[in-house]
């Protein structure tokens, strides 16, 4: 699986940690930036590269995106502007809730982008959520396919 990842300054350290951890686990990770810490960067400049990539490679079994910012809110909004992108936001440290949301976002929504709020999630918990999200499969249940089709054909 290929993973594209991007962050602004607020998510920079978490992104570095996730890139290294995922590469150590054997994932093919593409860092879309920012590759140098800059307190004045703007998240849309980097998040849109993930959105464009996932939109062009519309296959969640082979391609996933991760976007990271302070709260993850703006990053999630930005990512969802692109065709075929289904981004889900996770933040906070409620392990039970976040792991369930990560699972359901894949099982029910076939989410292909994960947005994380770096200021609101611990590093080790973020990696745990990412791994669960990457491991989870779409259910392919008719009701979920039907609902996603209604979203795609808005």
C-alpha atoms as a PDB file:
ATOM      1  CA  UNK A   1       0.000   0.000   0.000  1.00  0.00           C
ATOM      2  CA  UNK A   2       1.207   3.490  -0.855  1.00  0.00           C
ATOM      3  CA  UNK A   3       0.558   6.218   1.712  1.00  0.00           C
ATOM      4  CA  UNK A   4       0.782   9.920   0.919  1.00  0.00           C
ATOM      5  CA  UNK A   5       1.120  12.192   3.929  1.00  0.00           C
ATOM      6  CA  UNK A   6       1.275  15.937   4.512  1.00  0.00           C
ATOM      7  CA  UNK A   7       1.115  18.444   7.338  1.00  0.00           C
ATOM      8  CA  UNK A   8       1.568  22.053   8.212  1.00  0.00           C
ATOM      9  CA  UNK A   9       3.860  23.294  10.985  1.00  0.00           C
ATOM     10  CA  UNK A  10       1.455  22.185  13.731  1.00  0.00           C
ATOM     11  CA  UNK A  11       1.572  18.586  12.543  1.00  0.00           C
ATOM     12  CA  UNK A  12       5.195  18.555  11.431  1.00  0.00           C
ATOM     13  CA  UNK A  13       6.658  16.483  14.296  1.00  0.00           C
ATOM     14  CA  UNK A  14       3.799  13.970  14.308  1.00  0.00           C
ATOM     15  CA  UNK A  15       4.144  13.592  10.540  1.00  0.00           C
ATOM     16  CA  UNK A  16       7.879  12.895  10.832  1.00  0.00           C
ATOM     17  CA  UNK A  17       7.168  10.259  13.479  1.00  0.00           C
ATOM     18  CA  UNK A  18       4.448   8.601  11.401  1.00  0.00           C
ATOM     19  CA  UNK A  19       6.541   8.625   8.209  1.00  0.00           C
ATOM     20  CA  UNK A  20       9.433   6.889   9.984  1.00  0.00           C
ATOM     21  CA  UNK A  21       7.182   4.425  11.823  1.00  0.00           C
ATOM     22  CA  UNK A  22       5.222   3.470   8.705  1.00  0.00           C
ATOM     23  CA  UNK A  23       8.372   3.074   6.618  1.00  0.00           C
ATOM     24  CA  UNK A  24       9.817   0.839   9.348  1.00  0.00           C
ATOM     25  CA  UNK A  25       6.671  -1.304   9.005  1.00  0.00           C
ATOM     26  CA  UNK A  26       7.287  -1.644   5.264  1.00  0.00           C
ATOM     27  CA  UNK A  27       4.802   0.876   3.886  1.00  0.00           C
ATOM     28  CA  UNK A  28       5.669   2.928   0.810  1.00  0.00           C
ATOM     29  CA  UNK A  29       5.279   6.477   2.169  1.00  0.00           C
ATOM     30  CA  UNK A  30       5.418   9.664   0.114  1.00  0.00           C
ATOM     31  CA  UNK A  31       5.931  12.827   2.170  1.00  0.00           C
ATOM     32  CA  UNK A  32       4.110  15.652   0.361  1.00  0.00           C
ATOM     33  CA  UNK A  33       5.442  18.278   2.758  1.00  0.00           C
ATOM     34  CA  UNK A  34       6.096  20.441   4.351  1.00  0.00           C
ATOM     35  CA  UNK A  35       9.532  18.829   4.476  1.00  0.00           C
ATOM     36  CA  UNK A  36      11.130  21.722   6.368  1.00  0.00           C
ATOM     37  CA  UNK A  37       9.544  23.195   9.478  1.00  0.00           C
ATOM     38  CA  UNK A  38       8.095  26.639   8.788  1.00  0.00           C
ATOM     39  CA  UNK A  39       5.877  28.315  11.353  1.00  0.00           C
ATOM     40  CA  UNK A  40       4.336  30.470   8.622  1.00  0.00           C
ATOM     41  CA  UNK A  41       3.307  27.721   6.202  1.00  0.00           C
ATOM     42  CA  UNK A  42      -0.327  27.254   5.164  1.00  0.00           C
ATOM     43  CA  UNK A  43      -1.865  23.791   5.396  1.00  0.00           C
ATOM     44  CA  UNK A  44      -3.830  23.974   2.102  1.00  0.00           C
ATOM     45  CA  UNK A  45      -0.549  24.145   0.156  1.00  0.00           C
ATOM     46  CA  UNK A  46       0.357  20.632   1.330  1.00  0.00           C
ATOM     47  CA  UNK A  47      -3.007  19.026   1.993  1.00  0.00           C
ATOM     48  CA  UNK A  48      -4.200  19.679  -1.553  1.00  0.00           C
ATOM     49  CA  UNK A  49      -1.316  17.593  -2.879  1.00  0.00           C
ATOM     50  CA  UNK A  50      -2.651  14.631  -0.892  1.00  0.00           C
ATOM     51  CA  UNK A  51      -6.196  15.325  -2.093  1.00  0.00           C
ATOM     52  CA  UNK A  52      -5.087  15.501  -5.718  1.00  0.00           C
ATOM     53  CA  UNK A  53      -3.042  12.312  -5.440  1.00  0.00           C
ATOM     54  CA  UNK A  54      -5.824  10.296  -3.807  1.00  0.00           C
ATOM     55  CA  UNK A  55      -8.360  11.697  -6.273  1.00  0.00           C
ATOM     56  CA  UNK A  56      -6.196  10.563  -9.203  1.00  0.00           C
ATOM     57  CA  UNK A  57      -5.452   7.152  -7.635  1.00  0.00           C
ATOM     58  CA  UNK A  58      -8.992   6.243  -6.605  1.00  0.00           C
ATOM     59  CA  UNK A  59      -8.248   2.834  -5.081  1.00  0.00           C
ATOM     60  CA  UNK A  60      -8.354   2.701  -1.243  1.00  0.00           C
ATOM     61  CA  UNK A  61      -6.879  -0.809  -1.182  1.00  0.00           C
ATOM     62  CA  UNK A  62      -3.672   0.491  -2.773  1.00  0.00           C
ATOM     63  CA  UNK A  63      -3.563   4.215  -1.921  1.00  0.00           C
ATOM     64  CA  UNK A  64      -4.357   6.100   1.279  1.00  0.00           C
ATOM     65  CA  UNK A  65      -3.666   9.596   2.515  1.00  0.00           C
ATOM     66  CA  UNK A  66      -2.929  11.056   5.929  1.00  0.00           C
ATOM     67  CA  UNK A  67      -3.205  14.791   6.622  1.00  0.00           C
ATOM     68  CA  UNK A  68      -2.152  16.407   9.883  1.00  0.00           C
ATOM     69  CA  UNK A  69      -2.634  19.838  11.399  1.00  0.00           C
ATOM     70  CA  UNK A  70      -3.215  21.426  14.770  1.00  0.00           C
ATOM     71  CA  UNK A  71      -6.844  20.346  15.071  1.00  0.00           C
ATOM     72  CA  UNK A  72      -7.157  18.443  11.799  1.00  0.00           C
ATOM     73  CA  UNK A  73     -10.366  20.340  11.038  1.00  0.00           C
ATOM     74  CA  UNK A  74      -9.127  22.547   8.202  1.00  0.00           C
ATOM     75  CA  UNK A  75      -7.058  19.715   6.793  1.00  0.00           C
ATOM     76  CA  UNK A  76     -10.127  17.473   6.729  1.00  0.00           C
ATOM     77  CA  UNK A  77     -12.199  20.150   4.989  1.00  0.00           C
ATOM     78  CA  UNK A  78      -9.442  20.754   2.433  1.00  0.00           C
ATOM     79  CA  UNK A  79      -8.965  17.062   1.651  1.00  0.00           C
ATOM     80  CA  UNK A  80     -12.699  16.516   1.186  1.00  0.00           C
ATOM     81  CA  UNK A  81     -12.815  19.142  -1.582  1.00  0.00           C
ATOM     82  CA  UNK A  82     -11.352  16.622  -4.040  1.00  0.00           C
ATOM     83  CA  UNK A  83     -13.321  14.086  -6.070  1.00  0.00           C
ATOM     84  CA  UNK A  84     -13.332  10.555  -4.676  1.00  0.00           C
ATOM     85  CA  UNK A  85     -11.741  11.668  -1.386  1.00  0.00           C
ATOM     86  CA  UNK A  86     -13.479  10.499   1.767  1.00  0.00           C
ATOM     87  CA  UNK A  87     -11.559  11.994   4.667  1.00  0.00           C
ATOM     88  CA  UNK A  88     -12.327  11.263   8.309  1.00  0.00           C
ATOM     89  CA  UNK A  89     -11.137  13.318  11.285  1.00  0.00           C
ATOM     90  CA  UNK A  90      -9.765  11.800  14.482  1.00  0.00           C
ATOM     91  CA  UNK A  91      -8.384  13.620  17.503  1.00  0.00           C
ATOM     92  CA  UNK A  92      -8.337  13.229  21.251  1.00  0.00           C
ATOM     93  CA  UNK A  93      -7.032  10.373  23.323  1.00  0.00           C
ATOM     94  CA  UNK A  94     -10.110   8.238  23.915  1.00  0.00           C
ATOM     95  CA  UNK A  95      -8.576   5.019  22.610  1.00  0.00           C
ATOM     96  CA  UNK A  96     -11.813   3.055  22.512  1.00  0.00           C
ATOM     97  CA  UNK A  97     -13.735   5.759  20.690  1.00  0.00           C
ATOM     98  CA  UNK A  98     -10.979   6.637  18.220  1.00  0.00           C
ATOM     99  CA  UNK A  99     -10.173   3.065  17.275  1.00  0.00           C
ATOM    100  CA  UNK A 100     -13.874   2.398  16.704  1.00  0.00           C
ATOM    101  CA  UNK A 101     -14.218   5.541  14.560  1.00  0.00           C
ATOM    102  CA  UNK A 102     -11.154   4.500  12.544  1.00  0.00           C
ATOM    103  CA  UNK A 103     -12.631   1.038  11.962  1.00  0.00           C
ATOM    104  CA  UNK A 104     -16.092   2.302  11.054  1.00  0.00           C
ATOM    105  CA  UNK A 105     -14.695   4.931   8.698  1.00  0.00           C
ATOM    106  CA  UNK A 106     -13.165   2.115   6.667  1.00  0.00           C
ATOM    107  CA  UNK A 107     -15.921  -0.502   7.074  1.00  0.00           C
ATOM    108  CA  UNK A 108     -18.860   1.810   6.346  1.00  0.00           C
ATOM    109  CA  UNK A 109     -17.426   4.797   4.474  1.00  0.00           C
ATOM    110  CA  UNK A 110     -14.389   3.374   2.665  1.00  0.00           C
ATOM    111  CA  UNK A 111     -12.445   6.395   3.952  1.00  0.00           C
ATOM    112  CA  UNK A 112      -9.246   6.893   1.988  1.00  0.00           C
ATOM    113  CA  UNK A 113      -7.819   9.884   3.882  1.00  0.00           C
ATOM    114  CA  UNK A 114      -7.268  10.163   7.632  1.00  0.00           C
ATOM    115  CA  UNK A 115      -7.043  13.619   9.202  1.00  0.00           C
ATOM    116  CA  UNK A 116      -5.338  13.955  12.579  1.00  0.00           C
ATOM    117  CA  UNK A 117      -5.293  16.844  15.043  1.00  0.00           C
ATOM    118  CA  UNK A 118      -1.709  16.834  16.321  1.00  0.00           C
ATOM    119  CA  UNK A 119      -2.451  19.156  19.237  1.00  0.00           C
ATOM    120  CA  UNK A 120      -5.160  16.806  20.502  1.00  0.00           C
ATOM    121  CA  UNK A 121      -3.735  13.299  20.120  1.00  0.00           C
ATOM    122  CA  UNK A 122      -0.711  11.628  21.679  1.00  0.00           C
ATOM    123  CA  UNK A 123       1.952  10.364  19.291  1.00  0.00           C
ATOM    124  CA  UNK A 124       1.698   6.681  20.214  1.00  0.00           C
ATOM    125  CA  UNK A 125      -2.088   6.818  20.069  1.00  0.00           C
ATOM    126  CA  UNK A 126      -1.943   8.449  16.621  1.00  0.00           C
ATOM    127  CA  UNK A 127       0.199   5.571  15.341  1.00  0.00           C
ATOM    128  CA  UNK A 128      -2.205   3.038  16.859  1.00  0.00           C
ATOM    129  CA  UNK A 129      -5.187   4.707  15.149  1.00  0.00           C
ATOM    130  CA  UNK A 130      -3.332   4.934  11.831  1.00  0.00           C
ATOM    131  CA  UNK A 131      -2.416   1.236  11.949  1.00  0.00           C
ATOM    132  CA  UNK A 132      -5.983   0.179  12.732  1.00  0.00           C
ATOM    133  CA  UNK A 133      -7.269   2.410   9.938  1.00  0.00           C
ATOM    134  CA  UNK A 134      -4.752   1.000   7.442  1.00  0.00           C
ATOM    135  CA  UNK A 135      -5.555  -2.598   8.406  1.00  0.00           C
ATOM    136  CA  UNK A 136      -9.324  -2.256   8.212  1.00  0.00           C
ATOM    137  CA  UNK A 137     -11.174  -3.218   5.021  1.00  0.00           C
ATOM    138  CA  UNK A 138     -14.329  -1.790   3.463  1.00  0.00           C
ATOM    139  CA  UNK A 139     -17.283  -4.076   4.203  1.00  0.00           C
ATOM    140  CA  UNK A 140     -18.663  -4.036   0.640  1.00  0.00           C
ATOM    141  CA  UNK A 141     -22.141  -4.307   2.140  1.00  0.00           C
ATOM    142  CA  UNK A 142     -24.829  -3.204  -0.307  1.00  0.00           C
ATOM    143  CA  UNK A 143     -26.170  -0.485   2.009  1.00  0.00           C
ATOM    144  CA  UNK A 144     -22.742   1.146   2.294  1.00  0.00           C
ATOM    145  CA  UNK A 145     -22.076   0.885  -1.436  1.00  0.00           C
ATOM    146  CA  UNK A 146     -25.489   2.469  -2.106  1.00  0.00           C
ATOM    147  CA  UNK A 147     -24.825   5.338   0.305  1.00  0.00           C
ATOM    148  CA  UNK A 148     -21.365   6.035  -1.072  1.00  0.00           C
ATOM    149  CA  UNK A 149     -22.793   6.017  -4.590  1.00  0.00           C
ATOM    150  CA  UNK A 150     -25.282   8.693  -3.545  1.00  0.00           C
ATOM    151  CA  UNK A 151     -22.412  10.832  -2.273  1.00  0.00           C
ATOM    152  CA  UNK A 152     -20.302  10.336  -5.418  1.00  0.00           C
ATOM    153  CA  UNK A 153     -23.253  11.124  -7.689  1.00  0.00           C
ATOM    154  CA  UNK A 154     -24.339  14.261  -5.853  1.00  0.00           C
END
